[in-house]
Amino acid sequence: MNTEPPSSSAEPGRLGIRKKIKEEIRRIYRYFSYKPQNKQEVAGTIRESEESGVLEKGTVSMIEGALKVSTAQVRDIMIPKTQMVCVETSESPEDFLPRVIDSHHSRFPVINTETNKVDGILLAKDLLPFSSREDFKLSSIIRPPVLVPEGKKLNILLDELRINRNHMAIVLDEYGSIAGLITIEDVLEEIVGEIEDEYDIDQEEYIKQLNDNEFLVSGLTPIERFNERFDTSFSEEEFDTLGGIMLQNFSTFPKLNDSIVIDDLRFVIFALEEKRISSIKVTRTPN
């Protein structure tokens, strides 16, 4: 049995291996015990987890969305007042029902034009019992509005809407005036991504058929494609998209539900984004 101490020539190699092992242990320890100091570091750790295969891409996107909601404010994603589809307290059902039907929304702010305040929220389903009655009173069926400031954090708003089982809130600016509205769906889309419904348009399709005579058309639809689909002859010399044609034919920038008839087609402004026509409902009119 050899009782001699290790030779000095072998010692540096062993020390090098021990050092590497200790460094690896420290690295592993840091990976499991590291506490991010801010949300930017959290986001960086999440992305590293995706790259290493610990988390899937979809999961990472939702976590990043949740982080965004925890810092963003209502004003960042609200629907501005100019794009709101509203009902006025002075209107009769004959006045606002076509607007309600065309919008396909389920909730509508009820505006008092004298005070410029929101008196309540009208649910489309609450109109059904009055379809054949003359004693209709709008004030008797509207729900109390939820009012929130522009600067409210989205995560706080989401908790409040969920706990109180509300779906829509009216956004007020610093002066107490109506700035816009926000829905629980708007907040959730920041986390899980776009929630599409039957009235969303695939950007690659541009044109979505709703029924035999109605179509939902993106404002970005190339004129050539629109002409082919509807057998029209709009000029491509001045504008490239259907949105440009709409702007040309309206005397001023249109509002939601403004309509115009060209040849045998009726065009209704369905959605706006800032100063752009996002989508148009196109209906074939009877010959």
Protein backbone atom coordinates (compact mmCIF):
# COMPACT_ATOMS: atom_id res chain seq x y z
CA MET A 1 0.00 0.00 0.00
CA ASN A 2 1.44 3.35 -1.00
CA THR A 3 1.39 5.83 1.90
CA GLU A 4 3.29 8.57 0.18
CA PRO A 5 1.57 11.92 -0.23
CA PRO A 6 0.34 12.94 -3.69
CA SER A 7 2.97 14.29 -5.95
CA SER A 8 3.09 18.05 -6.41
CA SER A 9 2.65 17.63 -10.15
CA ALA A 10 -0.87 16.18 -9.75
CA GLU A 11 -2.07 18.80 -7.27
CA PRO A 12 -2.75 21.70 -9.72
CA GLY A 13 -5.02 19.49 -11.84
CA ARG A 14 -7.06 18.39 -8.86
CA LEU A 15 -7.38 21.98 -7.62
CA GLY A 16 -8.61 23.04 -11.06
CA ILE A 17 -11.33 20.38 -11.09
CA ARG A 18 -12.44 21.30 -7.56
CA LYS A 19 -12.61 24.95 -8.55
CA LYS A 20 -14.76 24.18 -11.59
CA ILE A 21 -17.10 22.03 -9.48
CA LYS A 22 -17.48 24.79 -6.89
CA GLU A 23 -18.19 27.37 -9.59
CA GLU A 24 -20.83 25.15 -11.15
CA ILE A 25 -22.47 24.57 -7.77
CA ARG A 26 -22.53 28.32 -7.16
CA ARG A 27 -24.06 28.91 -10.60
CA ILE A 28 -26.78 26.31 -9.98
CA TYR A 29 -27.43 27.76 -6.55
CA ARG A 30 -27.79 31.25 -7.96
CA TYR A 31 -30.23 29.95 -10.57
CA PHE A 32 -32.57 28.59 -7.90
CA SER A 33 -32.05 31.19 -5.18
CA TYR A 34 -31.73 34.38 -7.23
CA LYS A 35 -34.38 36.98 -6.40
CA PRO A 36 -34.97 39.55 -9.18
CA GLN A 37 -34.79 43.12 -7.93
CA ASN A 38 -37.22 44.66 -10.43
CA LYS A 39 -39.70 43.76 -13.15
CA GLN A 40 -37.12 44.15 -15.91
CA GLU A 41 -35.01 41.44 -14.25
CA VAL A 42 -38.10 39.26 -13.88
CA ALA A 43 -38.80 39.62 -17.61
CA GLY A 44 -35.17 38.77 -18.42
CA THR A 45 -35.32 35.64 -16.27
CA ILE A 46 -38.55 34.57 -17.97
CA ARG A 47 -37.00 34.95 -21.43
CA GLU A 48 -33.98 32.93 -20.31
CA SER A 49 -36.36 30.22 -19.12
CA GLU A 50 -37.93 30.12 -22.59
CA GLU A 51 -34.54 29.88 -24.28
CA SER A 52 -33.52 27.00 -21.99
CA GLY A 53 -36.80 25.17 -22.64
CA VAL A 54 -38.15 25.51 -19.08
CA LEU A 55 -41.19 27.51 -20.23
CA GLU A 56 -43.14 27.35 -23.48
CA LYS A 57 -43.46 30.39 -25.71
CA GLY A 58 -47.20 30.80 -25.07
CA THR A 59 -46.68 30.69 -21.32
CA VAL A 60 -43.90 33.26 -21.54
CA SER A 61 -46.14 35.59 -23.59
CA MET A 62 -48.88 35.43 -20.96
CA ILE A 63 -46.45 36.05 -18.10
CA GLU A 64 -44.98 39.03 -19.93
CA GLY A 65 -48.52 40.27 -20.60
CA ALA A 66 -49.34 39.99 -16.91
CA LEU A 67 -46.20 42.01 -16.09
CA LYS A 68 -47.30 44.66 -18.59
CA VAL A 69 -50.74 44.85 -16.99
CA SER A 70 -49.12 45.38 -13.60
CA THR A 71 -47.42 48.57 -14.82
CA ALA A 72 -49.71 49.94 -17.57
CA GLN A 73 -52.54 52.38 -16.94
CA VAL A 74 -56.13 52.57 -18.16
CA ARG A 75 -55.29 55.44 -20.56
CA ASP A 76 -52.83 53.15 -22.39
CA ILE A 77 -55.48 50.80 -23.79
CA MET A 78 -58.87 52.53 -23.35
CA ILE A 79 -61.25 53.12 -26.26
CA PRO A 80 -61.31 56.91 -26.71
CA LYS A 81 -64.56 58.82 -26.49
CA THR A 82 -64.60 59.50 -30.25
CA GLN A 83 -64.86 55.75 -30.90
CA MET A 84 -67.51 54.95 -28.30
CA VAL A 85 -70.90 53.70 -29.47
CA CYS A 86 -73.35 55.44 -27.14
CA VAL A 87 -77.04 55.93 -26.53
CA GLU A 88 -78.41 59.34 -25.53
CA THR A 89 -80.98 59.64 -22.75
CA SER A 90 -83.24 61.72 -24.99
CA GLU A 91 -83.36 59.12 -27.78
CA SER A 92 -86.28 56.82 -28.44
CA PRO A 93 -85.75 53.13 -29.29
CA GLU A 94 -86.44 53.95 -32.95
CA ASP A 95 -83.45 56.32 -32.84
CA PHE A 96 -80.84 54.11 -31.18
CA LEU A 97 -81.88 50.54 -32.04
CA PRO A 98 -80.33 50.59 -35.56
CA ARG A 99 -77.06 51.78 -34.01
CA VAL A 100 -77.19 49.08 -31.35
CA ILE A 101 -77.86 46.37 -33.95
CA ASP A 102 -75.16 47.57 -36.35
CA SER A 103 -72.48 47.75 -33.66
CA HIS A 104 -72.97 44.16 -32.41
CA HIS A 105 -71.85 45.29 -28.96
CA SER A 106 -73.58 44.07 -25.82
CA ARG A 107 -73.15 47.16 -23.60
CA PHE A 108 -73.63 50.85 -24.34
CA PRO A 109 -72.90 53.97 -22.26
CA VAL A 110 -76.02 56.11 -21.87
CA ILE A 111 -75.03 59.77 -22.19
CA ASN A 112 -76.99 62.71 -20.82
CA THR A 113 -76.31 65.38 -23.44
CA GLU A 114 -77.35 68.19 -21.09
CA THR A 115 -74.79 67.33 -18.42
CA ASN A 116 -72.34 65.46 -20.68
CA LYS A 117 -72.27 62.71 -18.04
CA VAL A 118 -72.87 58.97 -18.20
CA ASP A 119 -76.21 58.16 -16.59
CA GLY A 120 -75.73 54.42 -16.84
CA ILE A 121 -74.94 51.39 -18.96
CA LEU A 122 -77.50 49.82 -21.28
CA LEU A 123 -77.29 46.06 -21.81
CA ALA A 124 -78.63 45.01 -25.19
CA LYS A 125 -80.33 41.96 -23.67
CA ASP A 126 -82.39 44.24 -21.41
CA LEU A 127 -84.14 45.61 -24.49
CA LEU A 128 -85.73 42.26 -25.40
CA PRO A 129 -88.76 42.50 -23.06
CA PHE A 130 -89.65 45.87 -24.63
CA SER A 131 -89.64 44.72 -28.25
CA SER A 132 -93.38 45.18 -28.55
CA ARG A 133 -94.23 47.57 -25.71
CA GLU A 134 -94.90 51.29 -25.85
CA ASP A 135 -94.24 52.07 -22.18
CA PHE A 136 -90.48 51.88 -22.64
CA LYS A 137 -88.38 54.02 -20.29
CA LEU A 138 -84.64 53.92 -20.79
CA SER A 139 -83.98 55.14 -17.26
CA SER A 140 -85.76 52.10 -15.80
CA ILE A 141 -83.41 49.50 -17.29
CA ILE A 142 -79.95 51.07 -17.35
CA ARG A 143 -77.32 49.82 -14.91
CA PRO A 144 -75.16 52.10 -12.71
CA PRO A 145 -71.91 53.03 -14.50
CA VAL A 146 -68.47 52.14 -13.16
CA LEU A 147 -66.27 55.25 -13.30
CA VAL A 148 -62.46 55.01 -13.23
CA PRO A 149 -59.66 57.56 -13.67
CA GLU A 150 -57.28 57.42 -16.62
CA GLY A 151 -54.32 56.76 -14.35
CA LYS A 152 -55.66 53.62 -12.65
CA LYS A 153 -53.36 50.60 -12.96
CA LEU A 154 -54.74 47.85 -15.19
CA ASN A 155 -54.12 45.07 -12.67
CA ILE A 156 -56.11 46.93 -10.02
CA LEU A 157 -58.94 47.58 -12.49
CA LEU A 158 -59.00 43.92 -13.53
CA ASP A 159 -59.39 42.81 -9.90
CA GLU A 160 -62.19 45.34 -9.30
CA LEU A 161 -64.10 44.37 -12.44
CA ARG A 162 -63.75 40.68 -11.64
CA ILE A 163 -64.75 40.95 -7.97
CA ASN A 164 -67.75 43.20 -8.69
CA ARG A 165 -68.71 41.21 -11.81
CA ASN A 166 -68.61 44.26 -14.06
CA HIS A 167 -67.60 44.13 -17.71
CA MET A 168 -67.23 47.79 -18.62
CA ALA A 169 -65.96 50.97 -17.00
CA ILE A 170 -66.23 54.59 -18.12
CA VAL A 171 -62.88 56.40 -18.07
CA LEU A 172 -62.74 59.97 -16.75
CA ASP A 173 -59.97 62.48 -17.31
CA GLU A 174 -58.48 64.71 -14.61
CA TYR A 175 -61.36 67.18 -15.00
CA GLY A 176 -64.06 64.52 -14.54
CA SER A 177 -65.05 64.54 -18.21
CA ILE A 178 -65.58 61.38 -20.26
CA ALA A 179 -62.28 60.28 -21.81
CA GLY A 180 -63.31 56.85 -23.09
CA LEU A 181 -64.26 53.39 -21.94
CA ILE A 182 -62.54 50.13 -21.13
CA THR A 183 -63.83 46.56 -20.90
CA ILE A 184 -62.57 43.54 -19.02
CA GLU A 185 -61.87 41.96 -22.41
CA ASP A 186 -59.51 44.83 -23.27
CA VAL A 187 -57.46 44.09 -20.14
CA LEU A 188 -57.47 40.32 -20.64
CA GLU A 189 -56.25 40.74 -24.23
CA GLU A 190 -53.14 42.42 -22.84
CA ILE A 191 -52.39 39.12 -21.07
CA VAL A 192 -53.58 36.38 -23.41
CA GLY A 193 -53.46 38.21 -26.74
CA GLU A 194 -56.23 39.18 -29.14
CA ILE A 195 -59.57 37.54 -28.37
CA GLU A 196 -61.25 37.19 -31.72
CA ASP A 197 -64.98 37.01 -32.30
CA GLU A 198 -67.17 36.63 -35.36
CA TYR A 199 -66.70 40.30 -36.18
CA ASP A 200 -62.90 40.27 -36.21
CA ILE A 201 -61.22 40.32 -39.61
CA ASP A 202 -58.24 38.18 -40.49
CA GLN A 203 -55.73 40.68 -41.83
CA GLU A 204 -54.76 38.22 -44.55
CA GLU A 205 -58.38 37.88 -45.67
CA TYR A 206 -59.42 41.56 -45.51
CA ILE A 207 -63.05 40.67 -46.26
CA LYS A 208 -65.26 38.61 -43.96
CA GLN A 209 -68.76 37.57 -45.03
CA LEU A 210 -71.35 37.85 -42.25
CA ASN A 211 -74.40 36.65 -44.19
CA ASP A 212 -75.71 36.63 -47.76
CA ASN A 213 -75.70 40.41 -48.09
CA GLU A 214 -73.43 41.72 -45.33
CA PHE A 215 -69.63 41.83 -45.23
CA LEU A 216 -67.11 43.20 -42.76
CA VAL A 217 -64.23 44.74 -44.68
CA SER A 218 -60.90 46.00 -43.38
CA GLY A 219 -60.10 49.62 -44.15
CA LEU A 220 -56.71 48.36 -45.39
CA THR A 221 -58.28 46.23 -48.12
CA PRO A 222 -56.52 46.96 -51.43
CA ILE A 223 -58.91 48.58 -53.89
CA GLU A 224 -58.04 45.99 -56.53
CA ARG A 225 -59.11 43.16 -54.20
CA PHE A 226 -62.32 44.99 -53.23
CA ASN A 227 -63.20 45.60 -56.90
CA GLU A 228 -62.70 41.93 -57.69
CA ARG A 229 -64.89 40.77 -54.81
CA PHE A 230 -67.76 43.23 -55.27
CA ASP A 231 -67.56 43.83 -59.02
CA THR A 232 -66.95 47.54 -58.48
CA SER A 233 -64.73 49.92 -60.39
CA PHE A 234 -63.17 52.19 -57.77
CA SER A 235 -60.13 54.04 -59.11
CA GLU A 236 -56.69 53.06 -57.85
CA GLU A 237 -55.04 56.27 -59.02
CA GLU A 238 -55.58 58.40 -55.89
CA PHE A 239 -55.99 55.79 -53.13
CA ASP A 240 -54.69 52.29 -52.49
CA THR A 241 -57.20 51.09 -49.88
CA LEU A 242 -60.94 51.07 -49.20
CA GLY A 243 -60.34 53.36 -46.21
CA GLY A 244 -59.01 56.00 -48.60
CA ILE A 245 -62.10 55.69 -50.78
CA MET A 246 -64.30 56.20 -47.70
CA LEU A 247 -62.41 59.33 -46.70
CA GLN A 248 -62.81 60.65 -50.23
CA ASN A 249 -66.58 60.16 -50.21
CA PHE A 250 -67.32 61.55 -46.73
CA SER A 251 -67.24 65.34 -46.53
CA THR A 252 -65.56 65.18 -43.08
CA PHE A 253 -63.78 62.46 -41.14
CA PRO A 254 -66.57 59.97 -40.38
CA LYS A 255 -67.81 58.87 -36.98
CA LEU A 256 -68.85 55.38 -35.94
CA ASN A 257 -72.01 54.20 -37.75
CA ASP A 258 -71.86 56.99 -40.33
CA SER A 259 -73.01 55.55 -43.63
CA ILE A 260 -72.92 56.28 -47.33
CA VAL A 261 -74.37 54.53 -50.38
CA ILE A 262 -72.27 54.13 -53.53
CA ASP A 263 -73.87 52.37 -56.49
CA ASP A 264 -75.63 49.34 -55.00
CA LEU A 265 -73.48 49.12 -51.83
CA ARG A 266 -74.08 50.68 -48.43
CA PHE A 267 -70.94 51.42 -46.39
CA VAL A 268 -71.19 51.82 -42.60
CA ILE A 269 -68.19 52.83 -40.50
CA PHE A 270 -67.81 49.91 -38.11
CA ALA A 271 -64.56 50.66 -36.25
CA LEU A 272 -62.05 53.52 -36.00
CA GLU A 273 -58.48 53.61 -34.73
CA GLU A 274 -57.24 57.11 -33.98
CA LYS A 275 -57.52 58.85 -37.36
CA ARG A 276 -57.88 55.70 -39.42
CA ILE A 277 -60.92 53.77 -40.59
CA SER A 278 -60.31 50.29 -39.25
CA SER A 279 -63.29 48.38 -40.64
CA ILE A 280 -66.41 49.00 -42.70
CA LYS A 281 -69.62 47.02 -42.90
CA VAL A 282 -70.63 46.64 -46.52
CA THR A 283 -74.21 45.70 -47.45
CA ARG A 284 -75.64 44.98 -50.86
CA THR A 285 -78.71 47.16 -51.35
CA PRO A 286 -81.77 45.88 -53.22
CA ASN A 287 -81.78 46.70 -56.94
